Amino acid sequence: MSCTYQKEPMKESFEEWVPLVDETGLVTGRVTRSAVHNGSKLLHPVVHMHVLKPDKSLLLQKRPETKLIQPGKWDTAVGGHIS
């Protein structure tokens, strides 16, 4: 998996870019990760993996309190952006 980063002026951090997609999944452009997580509801590809134990119980992870998005909430076992 590859990520494209662009250094922002006057900042020490790098911003991740993610594809924008339409309702059919066709890539229509790109936008920063922060732009898709600011309440804009821009469509962008992600992946989530659900893990079921033999007894059919679902394994979840609790997000760290330090996360910017949904801190401390329960989440799928694995998830992330597709770049």
N, C-alpha and C. Protein backbone atom coordinates (compact mmCIF):
# COMPACT_ATOMS: atom_id res chain seq x y z
N MET A 1 0.85 -1.16 0.00
CA MET A 1 0.00 0.00 0.00
C MET A 1 0.90 1.23 0.00
N SER A 2 0.58 2.20 -0.81
CA SER A 2 1.39 3.41 -0.84
C SER A 2 0.54 4.60 -0.42
N CYS A 3 1.18 5.57 0.17
CA CYS A 3 0.51 6.79 0.60
C CYS A 3 1.24 7.97 -0.01
N THR A 4 0.51 8.96 -0.41
CA THR A 4 1.10 10.18 -0.93
C THR A 4 0.99 11.25 0.14
N TYR A 5 2.09 11.88 0.44
CA TYR A 5 2.11 12.91 1.46
C TYR A 5 2.54 14.23 0.85
N GLN A 6 2.00 15.30 1.36
CA GLN A 6 2.41 16.62 0.92
C GLN A 6 2.69 17.43 2.16
N LYS A 7 3.88 18.01 2.22
CA LYS A 7 4.22 18.82 3.38
C LYS A 7 3.49 20.15 3.30
N GLU A 8 2.83 20.49 4.39
CA GLU A 8 2.12 21.76 4.45
C GLU A 8 3.07 22.86 4.89
N PRO A 9 2.95 24.05 4.34
CA PRO A 9 3.82 25.14 4.75
C PRO A 9 3.62 25.49 6.23
N MET A 10 4.69 25.82 6.90
CA MET A 10 4.68 26.29 8.28
C MET A 10 4.25 25.20 9.28
N LYS A 11 4.28 23.92 8.89
CA LYS A 11 3.94 22.84 9.80
C LYS A 11 5.02 21.79 9.76
N GLU A 12 5.17 21.07 10.85
CA GLU A 12 6.15 20.00 10.92
C GLU A 12 5.58 18.67 10.46
N SER A 13 4.27 18.56 10.35
CA SER A 13 3.65 17.27 10.04
C SER A 13 3.35 17.14 8.54
N PHE A 14 3.06 15.92 8.14
CA PHE A 14 2.69 15.63 6.77
C PHE A 14 1.22 15.23 6.74
N GLU A 15 0.54 15.57 5.66
CA GLU A 15 -0.88 15.27 5.52
C GLU A 15 -1.06 14.12 4.54
N GLU A 16 -1.84 13.14 4.91
CA GLU A 16 -2.13 12.00 4.04
C GLU A 16 -3.22 12.40 3.04
N TRP A 17 -3.05 11.98 1.80
CA TRP A 17 -4.05 12.20 0.76
C TRP A 17 -4.77 10.90 0.50
N VAL A 18 -6.09 10.96 0.30
CA VAL A 18 -6.89 9.78 0.00
C VAL A 18 -7.71 10.05 -1.26
N PRO A 19 -8.06 8.99 -1.99
CA PRO A 19 -8.88 9.18 -3.19
C PRO A 19 -10.31 9.58 -2.82
N LEU A 20 -10.91 10.40 -3.66
CA LEU A 20 -12.36 10.67 -3.59
C LEU A 20 -13.02 9.73 -4.58
N VAL A 21 -14.17 9.18 -4.22
CA VAL A 21 -14.89 8.30 -5.13
C VAL A 21 -16.34 8.73 -5.22
N ASP A 22 -16.99 8.32 -6.32
CA ASP A 22 -18.43 8.56 -6.44
C ASP A 22 -19.18 7.36 -5.87
N GLU A 23 -20.49 7.35 -6.00
CA GLU A 23 -21.32 6.29 -5.41
C GLU A 23 -21.03 4.91 -6.00
N THR A 24 -20.41 4.86 -7.19
CA THR A 24 -20.09 3.58 -7.83
C THR A 24 -18.67 3.12 -7.52
N GLY A 25 -17.90 3.94 -6.80
CA GLY A 25 -16.52 3.58 -6.47
C GLY A 25 -15.50 4.13 -7.44
N LEU A 26 -15.94 4.87 -8.45
CA LEU A 26 -15.03 5.45 -9.43
C LEU A 26 -14.26 6.60 -8.79
N VAL A 27 -12.94 6.57 -8.93
CA VAL A 27 -12.12 7.64 -8.37
C VAL A 27 -12.35 8.92 -9.17
N THR A 28 -12.67 10.00 -8.45
CA THR A 28 -12.98 11.27 -9.11
C THR A 28 -11.99 12.37 -8.74
N GLY A 29 -11.09 12.10 -7.81
CA GLY A 29 -10.13 13.11 -7.38
C GLY A 29 -9.41 12.64 -6.14
N ARG A 30 -8.82 13.58 -5.43
CA ARG A 30 -8.15 13.26 -4.17
C ARG A 30 -8.35 14.40 -3.20
N VAL A 31 -8.22 14.08 -1.92
CA VAL A 31 -8.44 15.08 -0.88
C VAL A 31 -7.63 14.65 0.34
N THR A 32 -7.38 15.58 1.23
CA THR A 32 -6.63 15.24 2.43
C THR A 32 -7.49 14.41 3.39
N ARG A 33 -6.82 13.61 4.20
CA ARG A 33 -7.49 12.78 5.19
C ARG A 33 -8.32 13.65 6.13
N SER A 34 -7.77 14.78 6.53
CA SER A 34 -8.50 15.65 7.46
C SER A 34 -9.78 16.19 6.82
N ALA A 35 -9.78 16.37 5.50
CA ALA A 35 -10.97 16.89 4.83
C ALA A 35 -12.11 15.87 4.80
N VAL A 36 -11.78 14.57 4.75
CA VAL A 36 -12.85 13.57 4.73
C VAL A 36 -13.36 13.26 6.13
N HIS A 37 -12.65 13.74 7.15
CA HIS A 37 -13.07 13.48 8.53
C HIS A 37 -13.49 14.75 9.26
N ASN A 38 -13.95 15.74 8.52
CA ASN A 38 -14.37 16.99 9.15
C ASN A 38 -15.88 17.18 9.09
N GLY A 39 -16.60 16.09 8.84
CA GLY A 39 -18.06 16.19 8.74
C GLY A 39 -18.55 16.42 7.33
N SER A 40 -17.65 16.44 6.35
CA SER A 40 -18.02 16.74 4.96
C SER A 40 -18.77 15.60 4.28
N LYS A 41 -18.65 14.38 4.79
CA LYS A 41 -19.28 13.19 4.21
C LYS A 41 -18.78 12.89 2.80
N LEU A 42 -17.55 13.31 2.48
CA LEU A 42 -16.95 12.98 1.20
C LEU A 42 -16.69 11.48 1.16
N LEU A 43 -17.02 10.85 0.03
CA LEU A 43 -16.82 9.41 -0.10
C LEU A 43 -15.36 9.10 -0.39
N HIS A 44 -14.81 8.15 0.35
CA HIS A 44 -13.43 7.72 0.16
C HIS A 44 -13.33 6.25 0.53
N PRO A 45 -12.46 5.49 -0.18
CA PRO A 45 -12.41 4.05 0.06
C PRO A 45 -11.72 3.70 1.37
N VAL A 46 -12.34 2.77 2.09
CA VAL A 46 -11.78 2.24 3.34
C VAL A 46 -11.98 0.73 3.33
N VAL A 47 -11.28 0.06 4.23
CA VAL A 47 -11.45 -1.37 4.39
C VAL A 47 -11.61 -1.66 5.88
N HIS A 48 -12.49 -2.60 6.20
CA HIS A 48 -12.68 -3.06 7.57
C HIS A 48 -12.71 -4.58 7.56
N MET A 49 -12.09 -5.19 8.55
CA MET A 49 -12.11 -6.64 8.67
C MET A 49 -12.82 -7.01 9.97
N HIS A 50 -13.81 -7.86 9.85
CA HIS A 50 -14.55 -8.36 11.00
C HIS A 50 -14.03 -9.76 11.32
N VAL A 51 -13.69 -10.00 12.56
CA VAL A 51 -13.13 -11.29 12.98
C VAL A 51 -14.15 -11.99 13.88
N LEU A 52 -14.57 -13.18 13.45
CA LEU A 52 -15.49 -13.99 14.24
C LEU A 52 -14.72 -15.16 14.85
N LYS A 53 -14.94 -15.37 16.14
CA LYS A 53 -14.35 -16.52 16.82
C LYS A 53 -15.20 -17.76 16.51
N PRO A 54 -14.67 -18.97 16.78
CA PRO A 54 -15.44 -20.19 16.50
C PRO A 54 -16.82 -20.20 17.18
N ASP A 55 -16.94 -19.52 18.32
CA ASP A 55 -18.25 -19.49 18.99
C ASP A 55 -19.16 -18.40 18.42
N LYS A 56 -18.74 -17.79 17.30
CA LYS A 56 -19.50 -16.76 16.57
C LYS A 56 -19.49 -15.39 17.25
N SER A 57 -18.68 -15.23 18.29
CA SER A 57 -18.57 -13.90 18.89
C SER A 57 -17.64 -13.04 18.04
N LEU A 58 -17.89 -11.75 18.05
CA LEU A 58 -17.17 -10.79 17.22
C LEU A 58 -16.04 -10.16 18.03
N LEU A 59 -14.83 -10.17 17.46
CA LEU A 59 -13.70 -9.51 18.11
C LEU A 59 -13.67 -8.04 17.69
N LEU A 60 -13.54 -7.17 18.66
CA LEU A 60 -13.46 -5.73 18.42
C LEU A 60 -12.20 -5.19 19.08
N GLN A 61 -11.85 -3.97 18.73
CA GLN A 61 -10.76 -3.28 19.41
C GLN A 61 -11.30 -1.96 19.93
N LYS A 62 -10.75 -1.50 21.03
CA LYS A 62 -11.12 -0.20 21.55
C LYS A 62 -10.07 0.80 21.09
N ARG A 63 -10.54 1.86 20.44
CA ARG A 63 -9.62 2.87 19.92
C ARG A 63 -8.97 3.63 21.07
N PRO A 64 -7.69 3.96 20.93
CA PRO A 64 -7.02 4.73 21.98
C PRO A 64 -7.68 6.10 22.18
N GLU A 65 -7.61 6.59 23.38
CA GLU A 65 -8.15 7.93 23.69
C GLU A 65 -7.40 9.03 22.95
N THR A 66 -6.21 8.72 22.46
CA THR A 66 -5.39 9.73 21.77
C THR A 66 -5.75 9.88 20.29
N LYS A 67 -6.62 9.04 19.75
CA LYS A 67 -7.01 9.14 18.34
C LYS A 67 -7.84 10.40 18.11
N LEU A 68 -7.64 11.03 16.94
CA LEU A 68 -8.42 12.22 16.59
C LEU A 68 -9.86 11.86 16.22
N ILE A 69 -10.03 10.71 15.56
CA ILE A 69 -11.35 10.28 15.11
C ILE A 69 -11.87 9.20 16.06
N GLN A 70 -13.03 9.42 16.64
CA GLN A 70 -13.71 8.45 17.50
C GLN A 70 -12.83 7.89 18.62
N PRO A 71 -12.18 8.74 19.41
CA PRO A 71 -11.33 8.23 20.49
C PRO A 71 -12.14 7.44 21.52
N GLY A 72 -11.55 6.33 21.98
CA GLY A 72 -12.17 5.54 23.03
C GLY A 72 -13.37 4.71 22.61
N LYS A 73 -13.72 4.71 21.33
CA LYS A 73 -14.89 3.96 20.86
C LYS A 73 -14.48 2.55 20.43
N TRP A 74 -15.43 1.63 20.44
CA TRP A 74 -15.20 0.29 19.94
C TRP A 74 -15.21 0.32 18.41
N ASP A 75 -14.35 -0.51 17.80
CA ASP A 75 -14.16 -0.48 16.35
C ASP A 75 -13.94 -1.90 15.84
N THR A 76 -13.95 -2.04 14.52
CA THR A 76 -13.66 -3.34 13.91
C THR A 76 -12.24 -3.76 14.25
N ALA A 77 -11.94 -5.05 14.05
CA ALA A 77 -10.62 -5.57 14.40
C ALA A 77 -9.52 -4.88 13.61
N VAL A 78 -9.76 -4.62 12.33
CA VAL A 78 -8.78 -3.96 11.47
C VAL A 78 -9.53 -3.01 10.55
N GLY A 79 -8.98 -1.85 10.31
CA GLY A 79 -9.60 -0.92 9.38
C GLY A 79 -8.64 0.17 8.97
N GLY A 80 -8.89 0.75 7.81
CA GLY A 80 -8.03 1.84 7.36
C GLY A 80 -8.41 2.35 5.99
N HIS A 81 -7.75 3.43 5.60
CA HIS A 81 -7.96 4.03 4.29
C HIS A 81 -7.26 3.22 3.20
N ILE A 82 -7.83 3.25 2.02
CA ILE A 82 -7.19 2.67 0.84
C ILE A 82 -6.65 3.84 0.04
N SER A 83 -5.35 3.85 -0.17
CA SER A 83 -4.72 4.97 -0.89
C SER A 83 -4.44 4.60 -2.33
